[in-house]
Amino acid sequence: MYQAIASLFVISNLNGWSNFMYIGAQVTDYDKVWEQWSHPYWIFFFIIFVVTGSFFFMNLFVGVVISSFNKEKDRIHGADLISSKNEMEWIDI
C-alpha cells in the first residue's frame, strides 16, 4: 500500500509519470507485465489523474506555504509596537 501511495505522489508531482503510465497499461496481474498494452484504458486514468491530481495537490501545497508565510509576516510586523525603529529596519532587511 505504501508503494501505491508513493506512486500516486510521484505522478501528482509530474516526475516520471509517463513511466508509471506505460507500466500501468502493460500490467495484467500481480507482478506480471506484458510486452504489449493489455489495458490501454488505464492511460486515460493516468492522464486524468495527472491533470486533476497535480493541479489540486500543488495548489494545496502552495496555499499552505503562502498561508504560513503570511502568518509569520503578520507575527513579525505585529511586534511593531515593541520594536524600536532600528530593530524594524533590521527586520525589513
C-alpha atoms as a PDB file:
ATOM      1  CA  MET A   1       0.000   0.000   0.000  1.00  0.00           C
ATOM      2  CA  TYR A   2       2.890   2.369   0.764  1.00  0.00           C
ATOM      3  CA  GLN A   3       4.257   1.881  -2.751  1.00  0.00           C
ATOM      4  CA  ALA A   4       0.887   2.738  -4.300  1.00  0.00           C
ATOM      5  CA  ILE A   5       0.624   5.978  -2.327  1.00  0.00           C
ATOM      6  CA  ALA A   6       4.222   6.841  -3.171  1.00  0.00           C
ATOM      7  CA  SER A   7       3.492   6.172  -6.848  1.00  0.00           C
ATOM      8  CA  LEU A   8       0.485   8.492  -6.782  1.00  0.00           C
ATOM      9  CA  PHE A   9       2.623  11.136  -5.082  1.00  0.00           C
ATOM     10  CA  VAL A  10       5.256  10.870  -7.827  1.00  0.00           C
ATOM     11  CA  ILE A  11       2.591  11.011 -10.512  1.00  0.00           C
ATOM     12  CA  SER A  12       0.975  14.110  -8.996  1.00  0.00           C
ATOM     13  CA  ASN A  13       4.397  15.804  -8.894  1.00  0.00           C
ATOM     14  CA  LEU A  14       4.853  15.081 -12.614  1.00  0.00           C
ATOM     15  CA  ASN A  15       8.225  13.394 -12.048  1.00  0.00           C
ATOM     16  CA  GLY A  16       8.362  10.369 -14.327  1.00  0.00           C
ATOM     17  CA  TRP A  17       4.609   9.900 -14.513  1.00  0.00           C
ATOM     18  CA  SER A  18       4.836   8.595 -18.072  1.00  0.00           C
ATOM     19  CA  ASN A  19       6.876   5.570 -16.893  1.00  0.00           C
ATOM     20  CA  PHE A  20       4.128   4.703 -14.413  1.00  0.00           C
ATOM     21  CA  MET A  21       1.537   5.149 -17.160  1.00  0.00           C
ATOM     22  CA  TYR A  22       3.278   2.759 -19.550  1.00  0.00           C
ATOM     23  CA  ILE A  23       3.808   0.144 -16.846  1.00  0.00           C
ATOM     24  CA  GLY A  24       0.208   0.517 -15.667  1.00  0.00           C
ATOM     25  CA  ALA A  25      -1.075  -0.080 -19.191  1.00  0.00           C
ATOM     26  CA  GLN A  26       1.031  -3.258 -19.512  1.00  0.00           C
ATOM     27  CA  VAL A  27       0.240  -4.911 -16.177  1.00  0.00           C
ATOM     28  CA  THR A  28      -2.077  -7.913 -16.415  1.00  0.00           C
ATOM     29  CA  ASP A  29      -1.781  -9.439 -12.953  1.00  0.00           C
ATOM     30  CA  TYR A  30       0.208  -9.038  -9.760  1.00  0.00           C
ATOM     31  CA  ASP A  31       3.915  -8.900 -10.778  1.00  0.00           C
ATOM     32  CA  LYS A  32       3.144  -9.757 -14.414  1.00  0.00           C
ATOM     33  CA  VAL A  33       3.895  -7.323 -17.226  1.00  0.00           C
ATOM     34  CA  TRP A  34       3.233  -7.926 -20.933  1.00  0.00           C
ATOM     35  CA  GLU A  35       5.217  -6.526 -23.800  1.00  0.00           C
ATOM     36  CA  GLN A  36       2.038  -5.175 -25.362  1.00  0.00           C
ATOM     37  CA  TRP A  37      -0.505  -2.901 -23.780  1.00  0.00           C
ATOM     38  CA  SER A  38      -3.124  -5.170 -22.316  1.00  0.00           C
ATOM     39  CA  HIS A  39      -5.240  -2.396 -20.787  1.00  0.00           C
ATOM     40  CA  PRO A  40      -4.910   0.830 -22.784  1.00  0.00           C
ATOM     41  CA  TYR A  41      -7.844   2.426 -20.943  1.00  0.00           C
ATOM     42  CA  TRP A  42      -5.541   2.913 -17.944  1.00  0.00           C
ATOM     43  CA  ILE A  43      -3.775   5.597 -19.982  1.00  0.00           C
ATOM     44  CA  PHE A  44      -6.898   7.752 -19.670  1.00  0.00           C
ATOM     45  CA  PHE A  45      -6.901   7.220 -15.917  1.00  0.00           C
ATOM     46  CA  PHE A  46      -3.301   8.397 -15.628  1.00  0.00           C
ATOM     47  CA  ILE A  47      -3.861  11.436 -17.817  1.00  0.00           C
ATOM     48  CA  ILE A  48      -6.954  12.464 -15.846  1.00  0.00           C
ATOM     49  CA  PHE A  49      -5.134  11.858 -12.560  1.00  0.00           C
ATOM     50  CA  VAL A  50      -2.149  13.934 -13.699  1.00  0.00           C
ATOM     51  CA  VAL A  51      -4.356  16.848 -14.694  1.00  0.00           C
ATOM     52  CA  THR A  52      -6.566  16.844 -11.597  1.00  0.00           C
ATOM     53  CA  GLY A  53      -4.119  15.474  -9.045  1.00  0.00           C
ATOM     54  CA  SER A  54      -1.203  17.705  -9.863  1.00  0.00           C
ATOM     55  CA  PHE A  55      -3.421  20.772 -10.114  1.00  0.00           C
ATOM     56  CA  PHE A  56      -5.131  20.276  -6.744  1.00  0.00           C
ATOM     57  CA  PHE A  57      -2.127  18.840  -4.925  1.00  0.00           C
ATOM     58  CA  MET A  58       0.218  21.612  -5.929  1.00  0.00           C
ATOM     59  CA  ASN A  59      -2.372  24.328  -5.298  1.00  0.00           C
ATOM     60  CA  LEU A  60      -2.980  22.980  -1.798  1.00  0.00           C
ATOM     61  CA  PHE A  61       0.741  22.796  -1.090  1.00  0.00           C
ATOM     62  CA  VAL A  62       1.363  26.322  -2.361  1.00  0.00           C
ATOM     63  CA  GLY A  63      -1.643  27.569  -0.391  1.00  0.00           C
ATOM     64  CA  VAL A  64      -0.264  26.151   2.861  1.00  0.00           C
ATOM     65  CA  VAL A  65       3.156  27.668   2.230  1.00  0.00           C
ATOM     66  CA  ILE A  66       1.697  31.094   1.432  1.00  0.00           C
ATOM     67  CA  SER A  67      -0.609  30.944   4.445  1.00  0.00           C
ATOM     68  CA  SER A  68       2.296  30.095   6.750  1.00  0.00           C
ATOM     69  CA  PHE A  69       4.379  32.877   5.241  1.00  0.00           C
ATOM     70  CA  ASN A  70       1.577  35.406   5.777  1.00  0.00           C
ATOM     71  CA  LYS A  71       1.096  34.305   9.398  1.00  0.00           C
ATOM     72  CA  GLU A  72       4.805  34.718  10.115  1.00  0.00           C
ATOM     73  CA  LYS A  73       4.874  38.074   8.349  1.00  0.00           C
ATOM     74  CA  ASP A  74       1.921  39.272  10.433  1.00  0.00           C
ATOM     75  CA  ARG A  75       3.540  37.942  13.587  1.00  0.00           C
ATOM     76  CA  ILE A  76       6.779  39.809  12.872  1.00  0.00           C
ATOM     77  CA  HIS A  77       5.059  43.046  11.923  1.00  0.00           C
ATOM     78  CA  GLY A  78       2.722  42.687  14.903  1.00  0.00           C
ATOM     79  CA  ALA A  79       5.778  43.401  17.047  1.00  0.00           C
ATOM     80  CA  ASP A  80       5.982  46.937  15.634  1.00  0.00           C
ATOM     81  CA  LEU A  81       4.752  48.415  18.903  1.00  0.00           C
ATOM     82  CA  ILE A  82       7.509  46.745  20.911  1.00  0.00           C
ATOM     83  CA  SER A  83      10.415  47.107  18.491  1.00  0.00           C
ATOM     84  CA  SER A  84      12.419  50.259  18.016  1.00  0.00           C
ATOM     85  CA  LYS A  85      12.966  51.955  14.672  1.00  0.00           C
ATOM     86  CA  ASN A  86      16.436  50.403  14.277  1.00  0.00           C
ATOM     87  CA  GLU A  87      15.117  46.910  15.021  1.00  0.00           C
ATOM     88  CA  MET A  88      12.362  47.317  12.423  1.00  0.00           C
ATOM     89  CA  GLU A  89      14.936  48.352   9.819  1.00  0.00           C
ATOM     90  CA  TRP A  90      16.884  45.143  10.553  1.00  0.00           C
ATOM     91  CA  ILE A  91      13.693  43.098  10.245  1.00  0.00           C
ATOM     92  CA  ASP A  92      12.895  44.705   6.872  1.00  0.00           C
ATOM     93  CA  ILE A  93      16.417  43.956   5.628  1.00  0.00           C
END
